[in-house]
C-alpha atoms as a PDB file:
ATOM      1  CA  MET A   1       4.908  10.517  -2.250  1.00  0.00           C
ATOM      2  CA  LYS A   2       4.194  10.278   1.475  1.00  0.00           C
ATOM      3  CA  PRO A   3       4.266   6.642   2.694  1.00  0.00           C
ATOM      4  CA  ILE A   4       1.073   5.051   3.962  1.00  0.00           C
ATOM      5  CA  ILE A   5       3.122   2.563   6.036  1.00  0.00           C
ATOM      6  CA  LYS A   6       6.343   3.557   7.770  1.00  0.00           C
ATOM      7  CA  VAL A   7       8.263   1.027   9.865  1.00  0.00           C
ATOM      8  CA  SER A   8      11.125   2.458  11.906  1.00  0.00           C
ATOM      9  CA  ASN A   9      13.645   0.288  13.780  1.00  0.00           C
ATOM     10  CA  ILE A  10      11.072  -2.354  14.765  1.00  0.00           C
ATOM     11  CA  SER A  11      12.376  -5.157  16.963  1.00  0.00           C
ATOM     12  CA  LYS A  12      10.389  -7.802  18.833  1.00  0.00           C
ATOM     13  CA  LYS A  13      11.728 -10.039  21.585  1.00  0.00           C
ATOM     14  CA  PHE A  14       9.958 -13.102  22.971  1.00  0.00           C
ATOM     15  CA  ARG A  15      10.807 -14.971  26.146  1.00  0.00           C
ATOM     16  CA  ILE A  16      10.885 -18.738  25.796  1.00  0.00           C
ATOM     17  CA  THR A  17      11.326 -21.699  28.112  1.00  0.00           C
ATOM     18  CA  PRO A  18      13.232 -24.930  27.386  1.00  0.00           C
ATOM     19  CA  GLY A  19      11.352 -27.234  25.064  1.00  0.00           C
ATOM     20  CA  GLU A  20       8.855 -24.568  23.969  1.00  0.00           C
ATOM     21  CA  ALA A  21       8.737 -22.645  20.714  1.00  0.00           C
ATOM     22  CA  PRO A  22       8.466 -18.855  20.989  1.00  0.00           C
ATOM     23  CA  SER A  23       4.841 -17.809  20.941  1.00  0.00           C
ATOM     24  CA  VAL A  24       2.384 -15.137  21.963  1.00  0.00           C
ATOM     25  CA  ARG A  25      -0.165 -16.541  24.392  1.00  0.00           C
ATOM     26  CA  TYR A  26      -2.225 -15.750  27.442  1.00  0.00           C
ATOM     27  CA  ASP A  27      -1.893 -18.240  30.304  1.00  0.00           C
ATOM     28  CA  THR A  28      -4.720 -19.504  32.476  1.00  0.00           C
ATOM     29  CA  LEU A  29      -4.528 -18.915  36.245  1.00  0.00           C
ATOM     30  CA  ARG A  30      -3.458 -22.519  36.779  1.00  0.00           C
ATOM     31  CA  GLU A  31      -0.653 -22.225  34.202  1.00  0.00           C
ATOM     32  CA  SER A  32       0.538 -18.968  35.755  1.00  0.00           C
ATOM     33  CA  LEU A  33       0.708 -20.574  39.230  1.00  0.00           C
ATOM     34  CA  VAL A  34       2.670 -23.551  37.880  1.00  0.00           C
ATOM     35  CA  LYS A  35       5.157 -21.191  36.225  1.00  0.00           C
ATOM     36  CA  LEU A  36       5.483 -19.226  39.464  1.00  0.00           C
ATOM     37  CA  ILE A  37       6.321 -22.408  41.393  1.00  0.00           C
ATOM     38  CA  ARG A  38       8.817 -23.545  38.760  1.00  0.00           C
ATOM     39  CA  SER A  39      10.555 -20.207  38.289  1.00  0.00           C
ATOM     40  CA  PRO A  40      13.057 -20.473  41.209  1.00  0.00           C
ATOM     41  CA  PHE A  41      14.396 -23.673  39.656  1.00  0.00           C
ATOM     42  CA  ALA A  42      14.460 -22.460  36.052  1.00  0.00           C
ATOM     43  CA  ARG A  43      17.987 -21.067  36.310  1.00  0.00           C
ATOM     44  CA  PHE A  44      19.334 -24.528  37.104  1.00  0.00           C
ATOM     45  CA  ARG A  45      17.611 -26.076  34.076  1.00  0.00           C
ATOM     46  CA  HIS A  46      18.820 -23.251  31.817  1.00  0.00           C
ATOM     47  CA  ASN A  47      22.444 -23.533  32.902  1.00  0.00           C
ATOM     48  CA  GLY A  48      22.700 -19.794  32.386  1.00  0.00           C
ATOM     49  CA  ALA A  49      21.454 -19.946  28.780  1.00  0.00           C
ATOM     50  CA  ASP A  50      19.632 -16.957  27.322  1.00  0.00           C
ATOM     51  CA  ASP A  51      15.869 -17.581  27.308  1.00  0.00           C
ATOM     52  CA  THR A  52      14.920 -14.874  24.790  1.00  0.00           C
ATOM     53  CA  VAL A  53      14.706 -14.799  21.023  1.00  0.00           C
ATOM     54  CA  TRP A  54      14.504 -11.807  18.691  1.00  0.00           C
ATOM     55  CA  ALA A  55      11.728 -12.525  16.184  1.00  0.00           C
ATOM     56  CA  LEU A  56      12.394  -9.135  14.549  1.00  0.00           C
ATOM     57  CA  LYS A  57      15.534  -7.033  14.708  1.00  0.00           C
ATOM     58  CA  ASP A  58      15.973  -3.456  13.433  1.00  0.00           C
ATOM     59  CA  VAL A  59      13.382  -3.616  10.643  1.00  0.00           C
ATOM     60  CA  ASN A  60      12.954  -0.473   8.519  1.00  0.00           C
ATOM     61  CA  PHE A  61      10.886   0.043   5.370  1.00  0.00           C
ATOM     62  CA  GLU A  62       8.183   2.198   3.798  1.00  0.00           C
ATOM     63  CA  VAL A  63       5.204   1.408   1.567  1.00  0.00           C
ATOM     64  CA  VAL A  64       3.536   4.034  -0.602  1.00  0.00           C
ATOM     65  CA  PRO A  65      -0.239   4.240  -1.220  1.00  0.00           C
ATOM     66  CA  GLY A  66      -1.525   1.788  -3.824  1.00  0.00           C
ATOM     67  CA  GLU A  67       1.510  -0.492  -3.597  1.00  0.00           C
ATOM     68  CA  VAL A  68       1.361  -4.271  -3.216  1.00  0.00           C
ATOM     69  CA  MET A  69       4.350  -5.308  -1.140  1.00  0.00           C
ATOM     70  CA  GLY A  70       5.256  -8.986  -1.044  1.00  0.00           C
ATOM     71  CA  ILE A  71       6.878 -10.320   2.123  1.00  0.00           C
ATOM     72  CA  ILE A  72       8.663 -13.647   1.768  1.00  0.00           C
ATOM     73  CA  GLY A  73      11.166 -15.782   3.623  1.00  0.00           C
ATOM     74  CA  PRO A  74      11.622 -19.188   5.228  1.00  0.00           C
ATOM     75  CA  ASN A  75       9.518 -20.341   8.164  1.00  0.00           C
ATOM     76  CA  GLY A  76      10.485 -18.573  11.380  1.00  0.00           C
ATOM     77  CA  ALA A  77      11.954 -15.572   9.568  1.00  0.00           C
ATOM     78  CA  GLY A  78       9.669 -13.084  11.355  1.00  0.00           C
ATOM     79  CA  LYS A  79       7.085 -12.387   8.641  1.00  0.00           C
ATOM     80  CA  SER A  80       3.944 -13.159  10.630  1.00  0.00           C
ATOM     81  CA  THR A  81       5.318 -11.397  13.709  1.00  0.00           C
ATOM     82  CA  LEU A  82       5.754  -8.264  11.608  1.00  0.00           C
ATOM     83  CA  LEU A  83       2.155  -8.397  10.405  1.00  0.00           C
ATOM     84  CA  LYS A  84       0.891  -8.851  13.975  1.00  0.00           C
ATOM     85  CA  VAL A  85       2.840  -5.760  14.999  1.00  0.00           C
ATOM     86  CA  LEU A  86       1.407  -3.781  12.078  1.00  0.00           C
ATOM     87  CA  SER A  87      -2.107  -5.031  12.908  1.00  0.00           C
ATOM     88  CA  ARG A  88      -1.682  -3.870  16.542  1.00  0.00           C
ATOM     89  CA  ILE A  89      -2.136  -7.417  17.835  1.00  0.00           C
ATOM     90  CA  ILE A  90       1.231  -7.286  19.620  1.00  0.00           C
ATOM     91  CA  GLU A  91       3.461  -4.375  20.583  1.00  0.00           C
ATOM     92  CA  PRO A  92       7.053  -4.135  19.359  1.00  0.00           C
ATOM     93  CA  THR A  93       9.831  -4.300  21.929  1.00  0.00           C
ATOM     94  CA  THR A  94      11.476  -1.297  20.290  1.00  0.00           C
ATOM     95  CA  GLY A  95      10.712   0.895  17.306  1.00  0.00           C
ATOM     96  CA  ARG A  96       7.592   2.367  15.799  1.00  0.00           C
ATOM     97  CA  ALA A  97       5.092   1.479  13.072  1.00  0.00           C
ATOM     98  CA  GLU A  98       2.965   4.215  11.506  1.00  0.00           C
ATOM     99  CA  LEU A  99      -0.047   3.316   9.342  1.00  0.00           C
ATOM    100  CA  TYR A 100      -2.165   6.066   7.835  1.00  0.00           C
ATOM    101  CA  GLY A 101      -5.651   4.742   7.122  1.00  0.00           C
ATOM    102  CA  ARG A 102      -8.091   1.991   8.008  1.00  0.00           C
ATOM    103  CA  VAL A 103      -6.479  -1.425   8.253  1.00  0.00           C
ATOM    104  CA  ALA A 104      -8.115  -4.792   7.531  1.00  0.00           C
ATOM    105  CA  SER A 105      -6.074  -7.822   8.584  1.00  0.00           C
ATOM    106  CA  LEU A 106      -6.541 -11.405   7.452  1.00  0.00           C
ATOM    107  CA  LEU A 107      -3.879 -13.225   9.453  1.00  0.00           C
ATOM    108  CA  GLU A 108      -5.514 -16.589  10.077  1.00  0.00           C
ATOM    109  CA  VAL A 109      -8.820 -18.275   9.412  1.00  0.00           C
ATOM    110  CA  GLY A 110     -11.585 -16.504  11.292  1.00  0.00           C
ATOM    111  CA  THR A 111      -9.487 -13.682  12.731  1.00  0.00           C
ATOM    112  CA  GLY A 112     -11.867 -11.108  14.185  1.00  0.00           C
ATOM    113  CA  PHE A 113     -14.934 -13.356  13.948  1.00  0.00           C
ATOM    114  CA  HIS A 114     -16.989 -14.239  17.014  1.00  0.00           C
ATOM    115  CA  PRO A 115     -17.807 -17.971  16.804  1.00  0.00           C
ATOM    116  CA  ASP A 116     -21.233 -17.663  18.426  1.00  0.00           C
ATOM    117  CA  LEU A 117     -22.437 -14.954  16.046  1.00  0.00           C
ATOM    118  CA  SER A 118     -23.899 -15.714  12.643  1.00  0.00           C
ATOM    119  CA  GLY A 119     -22.130 -14.904   9.396  1.00  0.00           C
ATOM    120  CA  ARG A 120     -24.463 -11.936   8.918  1.00  0.00           C
ATOM    121  CA  GLU A 121     -23.715 -10.560  12.393  1.00  0.00           C
ATOM    122  CA  ASN A 122     -19.960 -10.999  11.906  1.00  0.00           C
ATOM    123  CA  VAL A 123     -20.059  -9.043   8.640  1.00  0.00           C
ATOM    124  CA  TYR A 124     -21.648  -6.092  10.456  1.00  0.00           C
ATOM    125  CA  LEU A 125     -19.317  -6.493  13.447  1.00  0.00           C
ATOM    126  CA  ASN A 126     -16.188  -6.476  11.287  1.00  0.00           C
ATOM    127  CA  GLY A 127     -17.460  -3.535   9.290  1.00  0.00           C
ATOM    128  CA  ALA A 128     -18.057  -1.582  12.497  1.00  0.00           C
ATOM    129  CA  ILE A 129     -14.543  -2.424  13.724  1.00  0.00           C
ATOM    130  CA  LEU A 130     -13.188  -0.991  10.463  1.00  0.00           C
ATOM    131  CA  GLY A 131     -15.129   2.192  11.101  1.00  0.00           C
ATOM    132  CA  MET A 132     -17.806   1.641   8.451  1.00  0.00           C
ATOM    133  CA  LYS A 133     -21.286   3.062   8.912  1.00  0.00           C
ATOM    134  CA  ARG A 134     -24.181   0.592   8.877  1.00  0.00           C
ATOM    135  CA  ARG A 135     -25.541   1.895   5.570  1.00  0.00           C
ATOM    136  CA  GLU A 136     -22.084   1.433   3.987  1.00  0.00           C
ATOM    137  CA  ILE A 137     -22.002  -2.186   5.123  1.00  0.00           C
ATOM    138  CA  GLU A 138     -25.577  -2.749   3.921  1.00  0.00           C
ATOM    139  CA  SER A 139     -24.692  -1.415   0.469  1.00  0.00           C
ATOM    140  CA  ARG A 140     -21.952  -4.072   0.130  1.00  0.00           C
ATOM    141  CA  PHE A 141     -23.564  -6.906   2.077  1.00  0.00           C
ATOM    142  CA  ASP A 142     -25.047  -8.826  -0.874  1.00  0.00           C
ATOM    143  CA  GLU A 143     -21.763  -8.547  -2.807  1.00  0.00           C
ATOM    144  CA  ILE A 144     -19.806  -9.870   0.193  1.00  0.00           C
ATOM    145  CA  VAL A 145     -22.098 -12.869   0.668  1.00  0.00           C
ATOM    146  CA  ALA A 146     -22.152 -13.676  -3.042  1.00  0.00           C
ATOM    147  CA  PHE A 147     -18.344 -13.542  -3.250  1.00  0.00           C
ATOM    148  CA  ALA A 148     -18.010 -15.829  -0.225  1.00  0.00           C
ATOM    149  CA  GLU A 149     -20.637 -18.240  -1.616  1.00  0.00           C
ATOM    150  CA  VAL A 150     -22.219 -18.738   1.817  1.00  0.00           C
ATOM    151  CA  GLU A 151     -25.752 -17.459   1.094  1.00  0.00           C
ATOM    152  CA  ARG A 152     -27.353 -20.610   2.472  1.00  0.00           C
ATOM    153  CA  PHE A 153     -25.481 -20.401   5.778  1.00  0.00           C
ATOM    154  CA  ILE A 154     -25.262 -16.638   6.343  1.00  0.00           C
ATOM    155  CA  ASP A 155     -27.582 -16.807   9.384  1.00  0.00           C
ATOM    156  CA  THR A 156     -25.787 -19.831  10.905  1.00  0.00           C
ATOM    157  CA  ALA A 157     -23.266 -19.354  13.739  1.00  0.00           C
ATOM    158  CA  VAL A 158     -19.798 -19.317  12.185  1.00  0.00           C
ATOM    159  CA  LYS A 159     -18.533 -21.900  14.703  1.00  0.00           C
ATOM    160  CA  HIS A 160     -20.378 -24.414  12.534  1.00  0.00           C
ATOM    161  CA  TYR A 161     -18.569 -23.284   9.359  1.00  0.00           C
ATOM    162  CA  SER A 162     -15.835 -25.323   7.751  1.00  0.00           C
ATOM    163  CA  SER A 163     -12.391 -23.703   7.567  1.00  0.00           C
ATOM    164  CA  GLY A 164     -13.015 -23.012   3.886  1.00  0.00           C
ATOM    165  CA  MET A 165     -16.314 -21.216   4.581  1.00  0.00           C
ATOM    166  CA  TYR A 166     -14.647 -19.229   7.370  1.00  0.00           C
ATOM    167  CA  LEU A 167     -11.898 -18.169   4.998  1.00  0.00           C
ATOM    168  CA  ARG A 168     -14.211 -17.204   2.155  1.00  0.00           C
ATOM    169  CA  LEU A 169     -16.332 -14.973   4.355  1.00  0.00           C
ATOM    170  CA  ALA A 170     -13.351 -13.455   6.195  1.00  0.00           C
ATOM    171  CA  PHE A 171     -11.604 -12.577   2.934  1.00  0.00           C
ATOM    172  CA  ALA A 172     -14.796 -11.224   1.389  1.00  0.00           C
ATOM    173  CA  VAL A 173     -15.355  -8.902   4.349  1.00  0.00           C
ATOM    174  CA  ALA A 174     -11.752  -7.679   4.387  1.00  0.00           C
ATOM    175  CA  ALA A 175     -11.646  -7.055   0.635  1.00  0.00           C
ATOM    176  CA  HIS A 176     -15.083  -5.446   0.189  1.00  0.00           C
ATOM    177  CA  LEU A 177     -15.236  -3.011   3.102  1.00  0.00           C
ATOM    178  CA  ASP A 178     -12.786  -0.545   1.522  1.00  0.00           C
ATOM    179  CA  PRO A 179      -9.859  -0.451   3.965  1.00  0.00           C
ATOM    180  CA  GLU A 180      -6.989   1.747   2.866  1.00  0.00           C
ATOM    181  CA  ILE A 181      -4.556  -1.007   3.917  1.00  0.00           C
ATOM    182  CA  LEU A 182      -5.164  -4.745   3.508  1.00  0.00           C
ATOM    183  CA  ILE A 183      -2.818  -7.105   5.385  1.00  0.00           C
ATOM    184  CA  VAL A 184      -2.954 -10.733   4.233  1.00  0.00           C
ATOM    185  CA  ASP A 185      -0.959 -13.593   5.754  1.00  0.00           C
ATOM    186  CA  GLU A 186      -0.600 -17.114   4.352  1.00  0.00           C
ATOM    187  CA  VAL A 187      -4.312 -17.930   4.622  1.00  0.00           C
ATOM    188  CA  LEU A 188      -5.349 -18.381   1.005  1.00  0.00           C
ATOM    189  CA  ALA A 189      -3.725 -21.813   1.035  1.00  0.00           C
ATOM    190  CA  VAL A 190      -6.790 -23.026   2.949  1.00  0.00           C
ATOM    191  CA  GLY A 191      -9.089 -22.337   0.015  1.00  0.00           C
ATOM    192  CA  ASP A 192      -9.490 -24.524  -3.036  1.00  0.00           C
ATOM    193  CA  ALA A 193      -7.931 -23.669  -6.409  1.00  0.00           C
ATOM    194  CA  SER A 194     -11.008 -21.903  -7.784  1.00  0.00           C
ATOM    195  CA  PHE A 195     -11.347 -19.700  -4.700  1.00  0.00           C
ATOM    196  CA  GLN A 196      -7.643 -18.843  -4.737  1.00  0.00           C
ATOM    197  CA  LYS A 197      -8.038 -17.700  -8.338  1.00  0.00           C
ATOM    198  CA  LYS A 198     -11.077 -15.660  -7.325  1.00  0.00           C
ATOM    199  CA  CYS A 199      -9.123 -14.050  -4.477  1.00  0.00           C
ATOM    200  CA  LEU A 200      -6.247 -13.176  -6.786  1.00  0.00           C
ATOM    201  CA  GLY A 201      -8.668 -11.438  -9.111  1.00  0.00           C
ATOM    202  CA  LYS A 202     -10.188  -9.522  -6.219  1.00  0.00           C
ATOM    203  CA  MET A 203      -6.813  -8.502  -4.852  1.00  0.00           C
ATOM    204  CA  ASP A 204      -5.831  -7.272  -8.292  1.00  0.00           C
ATOM    205  CA  SER A 205      -8.967  -5.107  -8.451  1.00  0.00           C
ATOM    206  CA  VAL A 206      -8.307  -3.879  -4.900  1.00  0.00           C
ATOM    207  CA  THR A 207      -4.868  -2.649  -5.901  1.00  0.00           C
ATOM    208  CA  GLN A 208      -6.210  -1.106  -9.108  1.00  0.00           C
ATOM    209  CA  SER A 209      -8.528   0.994  -6.935  1.00  0.00           C
ATOM    210  CA  GLY A 210      -5.500   2.480  -5.161  1.00  0.00           C
ATOM    211  CA  ARG A 211      -5.531   0.528  -1.919  1.00  0.00           C
ATOM    212  CA  THR A 212      -2.354  -0.799  -0.321  1.00  0.00           C
ATOM    213  CA  VAL A 213      -1.696  -4.507   0.283  1.00  0.00           C
ATOM    214  CA  LEU A 214       0.916  -6.305   2.389  1.00  0.00           C
ATOM    215  CA  LEU A 215       1.040  -9.925   1.273  1.00  0.00           C
ATOM    216  CA  VAL A 216       2.865 -12.707   3.121  1.00  0.00           C
ATOM    217  CA  THR A 217       2.947 -15.946   1.175  1.00  0.00           C
ATOM    218  CA  HIS A 218       5.136 -18.894   0.235  1.00  0.00           C
ATOM    219  CA  SER A 219       3.620 -18.777  -3.247  1.00  0.00           C
ATOM    220  CA  LEU A 220       6.360 -17.034  -5.200  1.00  0.00           C
ATOM    221  CA  GLY A 221       4.199 -17.085  -8.309  1.00  0.00           C
ATOM    222  CA  MET A 222       1.565 -15.038  -6.467  1.00  0.00           C
ATOM    223  CA  VAL A 223       4.205 -12.526  -5.385  1.00  0.00           C
ATOM    224  CA  GLN A 224       5.533 -12.232  -8.928  1.00  0.00           C
ATOM    225  CA  GLN A 225       2.030 -11.777 -10.315  1.00  0.00           C
ATOM    226  CA  LEU A 226       0.815  -9.135  -7.841  1.00  0.00           C
ATOM    227  CA  CYS A 227       3.891  -7.267  -6.592  1.00  0.00           C
ATOM    228  CA  ARG A 228       6.459  -4.921  -8.053  1.00  0.00           C
ATOM    229  CA  ARG A 229       8.556  -4.851  -4.884  1.00  0.00           C
ATOM    230  CA  ALA A 230       9.193  -7.440  -2.209  1.00  0.00           C
ATOM    231  CA  ILE A 231      11.012  -7.881   1.084  1.00  0.00           C
ATOM    232  CA  LEU A 232      12.954 -11.033   1.960  1.00  0.00           C
ATOM    233  CA  PHE A 233      13.180 -11.774   5.682  1.00  0.00           C
ATOM    234  CA  HIS A 234      15.770 -14.069   7.211  1.00  0.00           C
ATOM    235  CA  GLU A 235      16.334 -14.645  10.931  1.00  0.00           C
ATOM    236  CA  GLY A 236      14.218 -11.639  11.898  1.00  0.00           C
ATOM    237  CA  ARG A 237      16.011  -9.129   9.671  1.00  0.00           C
ATOM    238  CA  ILE A 238      15.485  -7.730   6.193  1.00  0.00           C
ATOM    239  CA  TYR A 239      17.842  -9.756   4.027  1.00  0.00           C
ATOM    240  CA  LYS A 240      16.913  -8.112   0.721  1.00  0.00           C
ATOM    241  CA  MET A 241      14.420  -5.457  -0.392  1.00  0.00           C
ATOM    242  CA  GLY A 242      13.795  -4.196  -3.904  1.00  0.00           C
ATOM    243  CA  PRO A 243      12.285  -5.130  -7.293  1.00  0.00           C
ATOM    244  CA  VAL A 244      10.397  -8.412  -7.026  1.00  0.00           C
ATOM    245  CA  ASP A 245      12.541 -10.333  -9.541  1.00  0.00           C
ATOM    246  CA  GLU A 246      15.746  -9.426  -7.692  1.00  0.00           C
ATOM    247  CA  VAL A 247      14.299 -10.425  -4.332  1.00  0.00           C
ATOM    248  CA  LEU A 248      12.972 -13.749  -5.661  1.00  0.00           C
ATOM    249  CA  SER A 249      16.374 -14.503  -7.178  1.00  0.00           C
ATOM    250  CA  CYS A 250      18.043 -13.729  -3.844  1.00  0.00           C
ATOM    251  CA  TYR A 251      15.559 -16.005  -2.054  1.00  0.00           C
ATOM    252  CA  ASP A 252      16.380 -18.816  -4.450  1.00  0.00           C
ATOM    253  CA  GLN A 253      20.095 -18.384  -3.732  1.00  0.00           C
ATOM    254  CA  LEU A 254      19.411 -18.312   0.014  1.00  0.00           C
ATOM    255  CA  CYS A 255      17.422 -21.559  -0.154  1.00  0.00           C
ATOM    256  CA  ASN A 256      19.761 -23.241  -2.652  1.00  0.00           C
ATOM    257  CA  PRO A 257      23.329 -22.111  -1.992  1.00  0.00           C
ATOM    258  CA  PRO A 258      25.856 -23.207  -4.632  1.00  0.00           C
ATOM    259  CA  SER A 259      27.683 -26.376  -3.712  1.00  0.00           C
ATOM    260  CA  ILE A 260      31.470 -26.248  -3.494  1.00  0.00           C
ATOM    261  CA  ALA A 261      33.210 -28.995  -5.436  1.00  0.00           C
ATOM    262  CA  PRO A 262      35.765 -30.940  -3.363  1.00  0.00           C
ATOM    263  CA  GLU A 263      39.397 -30.248  -4.089  1.00  0.00           C
ATOM    264  CA  ALA A 264      41.183 -32.823  -6.180  1.00  0.00           C
END
């Protein structure tokens, strides 16, 4: 079967400065001028140290249509960077990612929402970004709002929403507008227990309909419930890839290495 996602030799390098964590950001004019003034002196503060970090290094994998691929690993392993590359938010330093189909990404609360637009307007905006026709969005609109449980506030600007309301509407839009590929980062932790259960049910029905899901989460139970295969990332590289039970076992060993008894 032809893959719907093909990742070939993806690497991503970030430049960092002393005392700062690697990040993707856009500086203001004032910040850029301050950095320009400081730059001649940076080499003395660095003492020749390398100021780059590889968030991803030589990542290769494929996902077939209809598969739910779990992506796990400790914090800083490169999981979220990978999803941002696949969502075209950032460009890889080297390598290539090929995705065949419409992609809906839910990487953080409110991603893709305009804060000054109402919930209703954001539903139509996100649908248009996904390439949906207006009549297609209209046919699913009531179902989206009902799932998100924001009927009362649908015509209120989303900047006034709580993080939970933001999340419910963002997930509802992503899951109901029929993308071929759904990319979900660790955002469901924001919702309460009942909504998380509701989302799990929806994601299960999404996969039953043949759509593809990439799921990043620290909830190993969720990975075991939804995925047949998983990828374990460690220090920007694929540490283990294969059947979900094998990958979870490897992750457990990575997090809890066996202790060596002292010699007598």
